Amino acid sequence: MGLKIFARIKLPYIIRMKEAELISTRLPATNEFSEFVISFYPNIESNDELYNPQYPDNKCFFIEIEAVTELYNHDDYKETQTGVYSTYELPEDDQLVIFSMLKNRLNEYFDYLSEMTKMFWIEELPLNPMSGAIAKRTDFVFLHPDCKISGSSRLWNTYSDDFQTDIRLKSVKTLTQEIADKFSSTYIVRDVWIEYKNKAKRSLFSSEYTDFIIYCAIEAESFIKKTVNFIRERNVGKDIVLDKLIDTGKNNFVDSYYKIILKYITGKSLNEVEPELYRNLIIIYKLRNAIMHQGTIAKKDFKSAGMEGAEDLNFDTCLEIYNKLQKAIRTTLRLLTPTIENII
């Protein structure tokens, strides 16, 4: 039983070492990993393509992980013989789970390291859910749990971040003059929700799914409130009904703004035009409330949000939520455009 994960991870930050010497440490066993060794490498020329001559040799740019999990059995996977050691081929879903466990264990350790050294990083060590890689680049292999790693021999699979060309995303368009110039004809009113759109997307691709939901909720709320207030400010004192709807619609922004207020302004609510997009907003709103009130999302919260059977958030689910949110905003803007154009 068991499976060894051997990985070399290029860090998204630099660790300062006292001496230019290899540092290895063994972490306590957990339910996920019976063995877990982290090695910090100094910036020396023998570290081939990861060497950076612009920095002193007591800087660490990458770590190596040698970990054994008993949750997976090497016998369940195809074995490939190599001149260095035998490796095992795992399906992507299994790789993602294993890398997610690695990420959680590493972030626990780096949180401790930050406390002890007073070095800190703006982000946790991220997981790239598209490629299953941690940080900027991850070299890795899956091995027999008893395999001994040679100090000089290395054989890797390599994953690097490249969000633009991943097959799960729509095809990337090349920049043209038409695209560059089209902004002025599509711009109506923009504000803070763009910042939260970017934060949501960044959280999605860093596998920070609770943060992702919170940022999606802020994006959806700030967008609709900013846009409706833009209309209200140009009709101050002229539309007492809209004033009253805005003043009373503070508790449930989805129902108040995307249904009632949008219906009042345009004659159509998002629920009438795109019920699926409206339901997606309800999902975001209810999951956000669960996080804010409980700090986590329980099964009952998924059920309440209309996601019965879900036990956790994952990349594909969140990507669908994100895409539907962006479509909901575009649809709502399309409904509001005639009103906005009339008051500009």
Protein backbone atom coordinates (compact mmCIF):
# COMPACT_ATOMS: atom_id res chain seq x y z
CA MET A 1 0.00 0.00 0.00
CA GLY A 2 0.99 3.63 -0.29
CA LEU A 3 2.31 6.02 -2.90
CA LYS A 4 5.27 8.41 -2.85
CA ILE A 5 5.02 11.92 -4.28
CA PHE A 6 8.34 13.49 -5.18
CA ALA A 7 8.04 17.13 -6.25
CA ARG A 8 10.25 20.13 -6.90
CA ILE A 9 8.30 23.35 -6.44
CA LYS A 10 9.38 26.77 -7.68
CA LEU A 11 8.22 29.22 -5.04
CA PRO A 12 6.25 32.38 -5.85
CA TYR A 13 8.55 34.23 -3.40
CA ILE A 14 12.09 34.11 -2.07
CA ILE A 15 13.18 32.61 1.25
CA ARG A 16 16.27 34.10 2.90
CA MET A 17 18.65 31.46 4.27
CA LYS A 18 21.34 32.10 6.87
CA GLU A 19 23.87 29.99 4.98
CA ALA A 20 23.98 28.68 1.41
CA GLU A 21 23.37 25.15 2.60
CA LEU A 22 20.67 22.57 1.95
CA ILE A 23 18.09 22.45 4.77
CA SER A 24 15.82 19.41 5.11
CA THR A 25 13.13 18.80 7.71
CA ARG A 26 10.70 15.97 8.40
CA LEU A 27 7.17 16.97 9.40
CA PRO A 28 5.03 14.93 11.82
CA ALA A 29 2.84 12.23 10.27
CA THR A 30 -0.80 13.08 9.53
CA ASN A 31 -3.84 11.16 8.27
CA GLU A 32 -2.91 12.27 4.75
CA PHE A 33 0.85 11.69 4.85
CA SER A 34 2.74 9.06 6.82
CA GLU A 35 5.99 10.72 5.70
CA PHE A 36 6.61 14.31 4.66
CA VAL A 37 10.08 15.78 4.09
CA ILE A 38 10.71 19.33 2.86
CA SER A 39 14.13 20.34 1.51
CA PHE A 40 15.11 23.98 0.96
CA TYR A 41 17.77 24.52 -1.71
CA PRO A 42 20.20 27.44 -1.82
CA ASN A 43 20.72 29.42 -5.01
CA ILE A 44 23.81 27.67 -6.36
CA GLU A 45 24.88 26.94 -9.92
CA SER A 46 24.48 23.19 -9.56
CA ASN A 47 20.73 23.71 -9.35
CA ASP A 48 20.65 23.86 -13.18
CA GLU A 49 17.88 25.98 -14.69
CA LEU A 50 16.54 27.13 -11.30
CA TYR A 51 19.78 28.96 -10.52
CA ASN A 52 19.44 32.75 -10.61
CA PRO A 53 22.82 34.54 -10.91
CA GLN A 54 21.23 37.89 -10.02
CA TYR A 55 20.77 36.81 -6.40
CA PRO A 56 23.17 35.72 -3.62
CA ASP A 57 23.60 32.03 -2.97
CA ASN A 58 21.81 32.17 0.39
CA LYS A 59 18.44 32.72 -1.29
CA CYS A 60 15.99 29.86 -1.74
CA PHE A 61 13.85 29.83 -4.87
CA PHE A 62 12.59 26.26 -4.77
CA ILE A 63 11.87 23.38 -2.44
CA GLU A 64 11.65 19.62 -2.86
CA ILE A 65 8.92 17.50 -1.29
CA GLU A 66 9.21 13.78 -0.62
CA ALA A 67 5.94 12.55 0.85
CA VAL A 68 4.18 9.21 1.23
CA THR A 69 0.41 8.90 1.42
CA GLU A 70 -1.38 5.72 2.48
CA LEU A 71 -4.64 6.97 0.95
CA TYR A 72 -3.50 5.81 -2.50
CA ASN A 73 -2.01 2.50 -3.58
CA HIS A 74 0.73 2.39 -6.21
CA ASP A 75 -0.59 -1.00 -7.36
CA ASP A 76 -3.73 0.72 -8.70
CA TYR A 77 -1.80 2.59 -11.39
CA LYS A 78 0.18 1.80 -14.50
CA GLU A 79 3.89 1.44 -13.80
CA THR A 80 6.53 2.83 -16.16
CA GLN A 81 10.11 1.60 -15.98
CA THR A 82 12.80 4.25 -16.46
CA GLY A 83 16.56 4.36 -16.18
CA VAL A 84 16.28 6.29 -12.93
CA TYR A 85 13.32 4.72 -11.11
CA SER A 86 9.86 3.28 -11.80
CA THR A 87 7.05 5.83 -11.92
CA TYR A 88 3.26 5.57 -11.80
CA GLU A 89 0.70 7.27 -14.02
CA LEU A 90 -2.21 8.79 -12.12
CA PRO A 91 -5.41 10.24 -13.62
CA GLU A 92 -5.85 13.99 -13.29
CA ASP A 93 -8.56 13.74 -10.62
CA ASP A 94 -6.28 11.74 -8.31
CA GLN A 95 -3.42 14.15 -8.99
CA LEU A 96 -5.59 17.11 -8.04
CA VAL A 97 -6.59 15.56 -4.72
CA ILE A 98 -3.00 14.70 -3.87
CA PHE A 99 -1.73 18.17 -4.80
CA SER A 100 -4.54 19.72 -2.77
CA MET A 101 -3.42 17.73 0.27
CA LEU A 102 0.16 18.82 -0.41
CA LYS A 103 -0.91 22.42 -0.62
CA ASN A 104 -2.76 22.29 2.70
CA ARG A 105 0.19 20.67 4.47
CA LEU A 106 2.66 23.15 2.98
CA ASN A 107 0.54 26.15 3.88
CA GLU A 108 0.37 24.95 7.48
CA TYR A 109 4.14 24.72 7.52
CA PHE A 110 4.71 28.06 5.80
CA ASP A 111 2.37 29.74 8.26
CA TYR A 112 4.59 28.41 11.05
CA LEU A 113 7.70 29.47 9.11
CA SER A 114 6.34 32.98 8.74
CA GLU A 115 5.74 33.25 12.49
CA MET A 116 9.23 31.99 13.32
CA THR A 117 11.22 33.99 10.78
CA LYS A 118 8.97 37.06 10.46
CA MET A 119 9.19 36.63 6.69
CA PHE A 120 5.72 36.78 5.23
CA TRP A 121 3.95 36.50 1.91
CA ILE A 122 0.84 38.21 0.67
CA GLU A 123 -0.59 34.93 -0.62
CA GLU A 124 -0.60 31.38 0.59
CA LEU A 125 1.37 28.92 -1.46
CA PRO A 126 -1.19 28.47 -4.25
CA LEU A 127 -2.46 25.44 -6.11
CA ASN A 128 -3.04 25.72 -9.82
CA PRO A 129 -6.22 23.68 -10.30
CA MET A 130 -5.99 23.57 -14.08
CA SER A 131 -2.69 21.79 -14.28
CA GLY A 132 -2.69 20.32 -10.80
CA ALA A 133 0.54 22.17 -10.02
CA ILE A 134 1.57 24.12 -6.97
CA ALA A 135 2.99 27.63 -7.34
CA LYS A 136 4.66 28.92 -10.50
CA ARG A 137 6.05 25.61 -11.61
CA THR A 138 6.02 22.09 -10.25
CA ASP A 139 8.21 19.16 -11.33
CA PHE A 140 6.89 15.89 -9.95
CA VAL A 141 6.72 12.10 -10.18
CA PHE A 142 4.74 9.40 -8.40
CA LEU A 143 6.86 6.56 -7.05
CA HIS A 144 6.79 3.36 -5.03
CA PRO A 145 6.59 4.27 -1.32
CA ASP A 146 9.90 2.49 -0.63
CA CYS A 147 11.76 4.15 -3.52
CA LYS A 148 14.98 5.83 -2.46
CA ILE A 149 15.70 9.15 -4.17
CA SER A 150 19.20 9.48 -5.55
CA GLY A 151 21.03 12.69 -4.77
CA SER A 152 22.12 13.11 -8.38
CA SER A 153 19.36 11.53 -10.46
CA ARG A 154 16.13 13.33 -11.21
CA LEU A 155 13.29 12.47 -13.58
CA TRP A 156 10.34 14.84 -13.70
CA ASN A 157 6.99 15.64 -15.19
CA THR A 158 6.63 19.43 -15.30
CA TYR A 159 3.58 21.66 -14.93
CA SER A 160 3.84 25.42 -15.31
CA ASP A 161 1.17 28.08 -14.94
CA ASP A 162 -0.26 29.18 -18.28
CA PHE A 163 -3.83 30.26 -17.67
CA GLN A 164 -4.38 31.62 -21.17
CA THR A 165 -3.88 28.41 -23.10
CA ASP A 166 -5.50 25.88 -20.78
CA ILE A 167 -8.07 23.71 -22.52
CA ARG A 168 -10.74 24.48 -19.92
CA LEU A 169 -10.84 28.12 -20.96
CA LYS A 170 -12.26 29.53 -24.17
CA SER A 171 -9.80 30.06 -26.99
CA VAL A 172 -7.68 33.15 -26.57
CA LYS A 173 -8.15 35.88 -29.16
CA THR A 174 -5.23 37.85 -30.49
CA LEU A 175 -5.34 41.60 -29.99
CA THR A 176 -6.60 43.59 -32.98
CA GLN A 177 -7.19 47.29 -33.57
CA GLU A 178 -10.94 46.63 -33.50
CA ILE A 179 -10.75 45.05 -30.05
CA ALA A 180 -8.48 47.85 -28.81
CA ASP A 181 -10.91 50.53 -29.98
CA LYS A 182 -14.16 48.84 -28.98
CA PHE A 183 -13.93 49.82 -25.31
CA SER A 184 -15.35 53.30 -25.86
CA SER A 185 -18.45 51.92 -27.57
CA THR A 186 -19.14 49.32 -24.86
CA TYR A 187 -18.29 51.42 -21.79
CA ILE A 188 -21.27 52.64 -19.83
CA VAL A 189 -20.44 52.80 -16.16
CA ARG A 190 -17.72 50.90 -14.32
CA ASP A 191 -16.46 51.07 -10.80
CA VAL A 192 -15.32 48.99 -7.88
CA TRP A 193 -16.87 45.70 -9.04
CA ILE A 194 -14.07 45.29 -11.60
CA GLU A 195 -11.60 45.05 -8.73
CA TYR A 196 -13.64 42.27 -7.15
CA LYS A 197 -14.10 40.51 -10.45
CA ASN A 198 -10.31 40.31 -10.66
CA LYS A 199 -10.05 39.17 -7.04
CA ALA A 200 -12.64 36.46 -7.67
CA LYS A 201 -10.81 35.21 -10.73
CA ARG A 202 -7.50 35.21 -8.91
CA SER A 203 -9.03 33.27 -6.01
CA LEU A 204 -10.52 30.78 -8.46
CA PHE A 205 -7.17 30.02 -10.07
CA SER A 206 -5.50 29.80 -6.65
CA SER A 207 -8.10 27.30 -5.39
CA GLU A 208 -9.21 29.66 -2.61
CA TYR A 209 -12.86 28.81 -3.12
CA THR A 210 -14.38 30.43 -0.02
CA ASP A 211 -12.62 33.69 -0.90
CA PHE A 212 -13.87 33.20 -4.45
CA ILE A 213 -17.51 33.07 -3.30
CA ILE A 214 -17.09 36.17 -1.13
CA TYR A 215 -15.53 38.16 -3.97
CA CYS A 216 -18.23 37.01 -6.40
CA ALA A 217 -20.88 38.23 -3.96
CA ILE A 218 -19.15 41.60 -3.59
CA GLU A 219 -18.82 41.90 -7.37
CA ALA A 220 -22.50 41.12 -7.94
CA GLU A 221 -23.66 43.50 -5.20
CA SER A 222 -21.31 46.39 -5.98
CA PHE A 223 -22.12 46.18 -9.69
CA ILE A 224 -25.88 46.37 -9.39
CA LYS A 225 -25.88 48.95 -6.58
CA LYS A 226 -23.37 51.20 -8.35
CA THR A 227 -25.29 51.02 -11.62
CA VAL A 228 -28.70 51.65 -10.04
CA ASN A 229 -27.29 54.49 -7.94
CA PHE A 230 -25.83 55.98 -11.13
CA ILE A 231 -29.41 56.14 -12.45
CA ARG A 232 -30.78 57.41 -9.15
CA GLU A 233 -28.22 60.22 -8.87
CA ARG A 234 -29.40 61.66 -12.17
CA ASN A 235 -33.00 61.57 -11.07
CA VAL A 236 -32.61 62.82 -7.50
CA GLY A 237 -36.01 63.81 -6.15
CA LYS A 238 -37.72 62.84 -9.43
CA ASP A 239 -38.40 59.16 -8.77
CA ILE A 240 -39.61 58.62 -5.22
CA VAL A 241 -40.58 55.01 -5.97
CA LEU A 242 -37.00 54.12 -6.97
CA ASP A 243 -35.71 55.99 -3.92
CA LYS A 244 -37.99 53.93 -1.69
CA LEU A 245 -37.07 50.61 -3.34
CA ILE A 246 -33.36 51.33 -2.91
CA ASP A 247 -33.78 52.39 0.71
CA THR A 248 -35.74 49.25 1.60
CA GLY A 249 -33.66 46.80 -0.47
CA LYS A 250 -30.63 46.55 1.75
CA ASN A 251 -30.92 43.04 3.19
CA ASN A 252 -31.22 40.79 0.12
CA PHE A 253 -29.57 42.52 -2.82
CA VAL A 254 -30.33 39.67 -5.24
CA ASP A 255 -34.10 39.79 -4.77
CA SER A 256 -34.28 43.54 -4.20
CA TYR A 257 -32.06 44.69 -7.07
CA TYR A 258 -31.94 41.96 -9.71
CA LYS A 259 -35.64 41.22 -9.42
CA ILE A 260 -37.71 44.08 -8.00
CA ILE A 261 -35.66 47.20 -8.85
CA LEU A 262 -34.56 45.89 -12.27
CA LYS A 263 -38.20 45.09 -13.06
CA TYR A 264 -39.23 48.59 -12.03
CA ILE A 265 -36.55 50.33 -14.13
CA THR A 266 -36.62 48.17 -17.28
CA GLY A 267 -39.92 46.28 -17.14
CA LYS A 268 -38.05 42.97 -16.91
CA SER A 269 -36.29 41.23 -14.05
CA LEU A 270 -33.25 39.01 -14.46
CA ASN A 271 -35.36 36.12 -13.19
CA GLU A 272 -37.74 36.60 -16.11
CA VAL A 273 -35.06 37.05 -18.77
CA GLU A 274 -32.43 34.54 -17.59
CA PRO A 275 -33.78 32.43 -14.69
CA GLU A 276 -30.65 30.24 -14.62
CA LEU A 277 -28.42 33.28 -14.15
CA TYR A 278 -30.71 34.54 -11.41
CA ARG A 279 -30.52 31.17 -9.63
CA ASN A 280 -26.72 31.39 -9.84
CA LEU A 281 -26.84 34.72 -7.99
CA ILE A 282 -28.99 33.09 -5.30
CA ILE A 283 -26.36 30.35 -4.97
CA ILE A 284 -23.60 32.93 -4.54
CA TYR A 285 -25.66 34.91 -2.02
CA LYS A 286 -26.55 31.88 0.13
CA LEU A 287 -23.05 30.41 0.08
CA ARG A 288 -21.62 33.83 0.99
CA ASN A 289 -24.00 34.04 3.95
CA ALA A 290 -22.96 30.58 5.13
CA ILE A 291 -19.28 31.58 5.01
CA MET A 292 -19.85 34.89 6.77
CA HIS A 293 -22.03 33.39 9.54
CA GLN A 294 -20.29 30.05 10.06
CA GLY A 295 -16.84 30.40 8.51
CA THR A 296 -17.51 27.39 6.29
CA ILE A 297 -20.10 25.83 3.98
CA ALA A 298 -21.96 22.77 5.31
CA LYS A 299 -24.03 20.22 3.38
CA LYS A 300 -27.23 21.92 4.51
CA ASP A 301 -25.99 25.18 3.00
CA PHE A 302 -25.39 23.57 -0.38
CA LYS A 303 -28.89 22.08 -0.19
CA SER A 304 -30.40 25.45 0.75
CA ALA A 305 -28.59 27.04 -2.21
CA GLY A 306 -30.03 24.46 -4.62
CA MET A 307 -26.83 22.40 -4.82
CA GLU A 308 -28.07 19.28 -3.07
CA GLY A 309 -25.49 16.49 -3.12
CA ALA A 310 -22.51 18.83 -3.16
CA GLU A 311 -20.11 18.40 -0.26
CA ASP A 312 -17.46 20.91 -1.22
CA LEU A 313 -16.56 23.53 -3.80
CA ASN A 314 -14.21 22.59 -6.62
CA PHE A 315 -12.66 24.31 -9.61
CA ASP A 316 -15.23 23.24 -12.21
CA THR A 317 -18.19 24.25 -10.03
CA CYS A 318 -16.65 27.62 -9.23
CA LEU A 319 -15.70 28.24 -12.86
CA GLU A 320 -19.36 27.69 -13.83
CA ILE A 321 -20.48 30.07 -11.07
CA TYR A 322 -17.97 32.67 -12.27
CA ASN A 323 -18.99 32.44 -15.93
CA LYS A 324 -22.69 32.70 -15.09
CA LEU A 325 -22.04 35.70 -12.87
CA GLN A 326 -20.25 37.54 -15.68
CA LYS A 327 -23.11 36.69 -18.05
CA ALA A 328 -25.63 37.95 -15.48
CA ILE A 329 -23.80 41.28 -15.25
CA ARG A 330 -23.64 41.59 -19.05
CA THR A 331 -27.35 40.74 -19.34
CA THR A 332 -28.30 43.24 -16.63
CA LEU A 333 -26.22 45.96 -18.30
CA ARG A 334 -27.97 45.24 -21.59
CA LEU A 335 -31.36 45.69 -19.88
CA LEU A 336 -30.25 48.93 -18.20
CA THR A 337 -28.42 50.45 -21.19
CA PRO A 338 -31.44 52.29 -22.72
CA THR A 339 -32.20 53.92 -19.36
CA ILE A 340 -28.56 54.90 -18.80
CA GLU A 341 -28.19 56.31 -22.31
CA ASN A 342 -31.32 58.44 -21.82
CA ILE A 343 -29.91 60.14 -18.73
CA ILE A 344 -26.28 60.61 -19.81
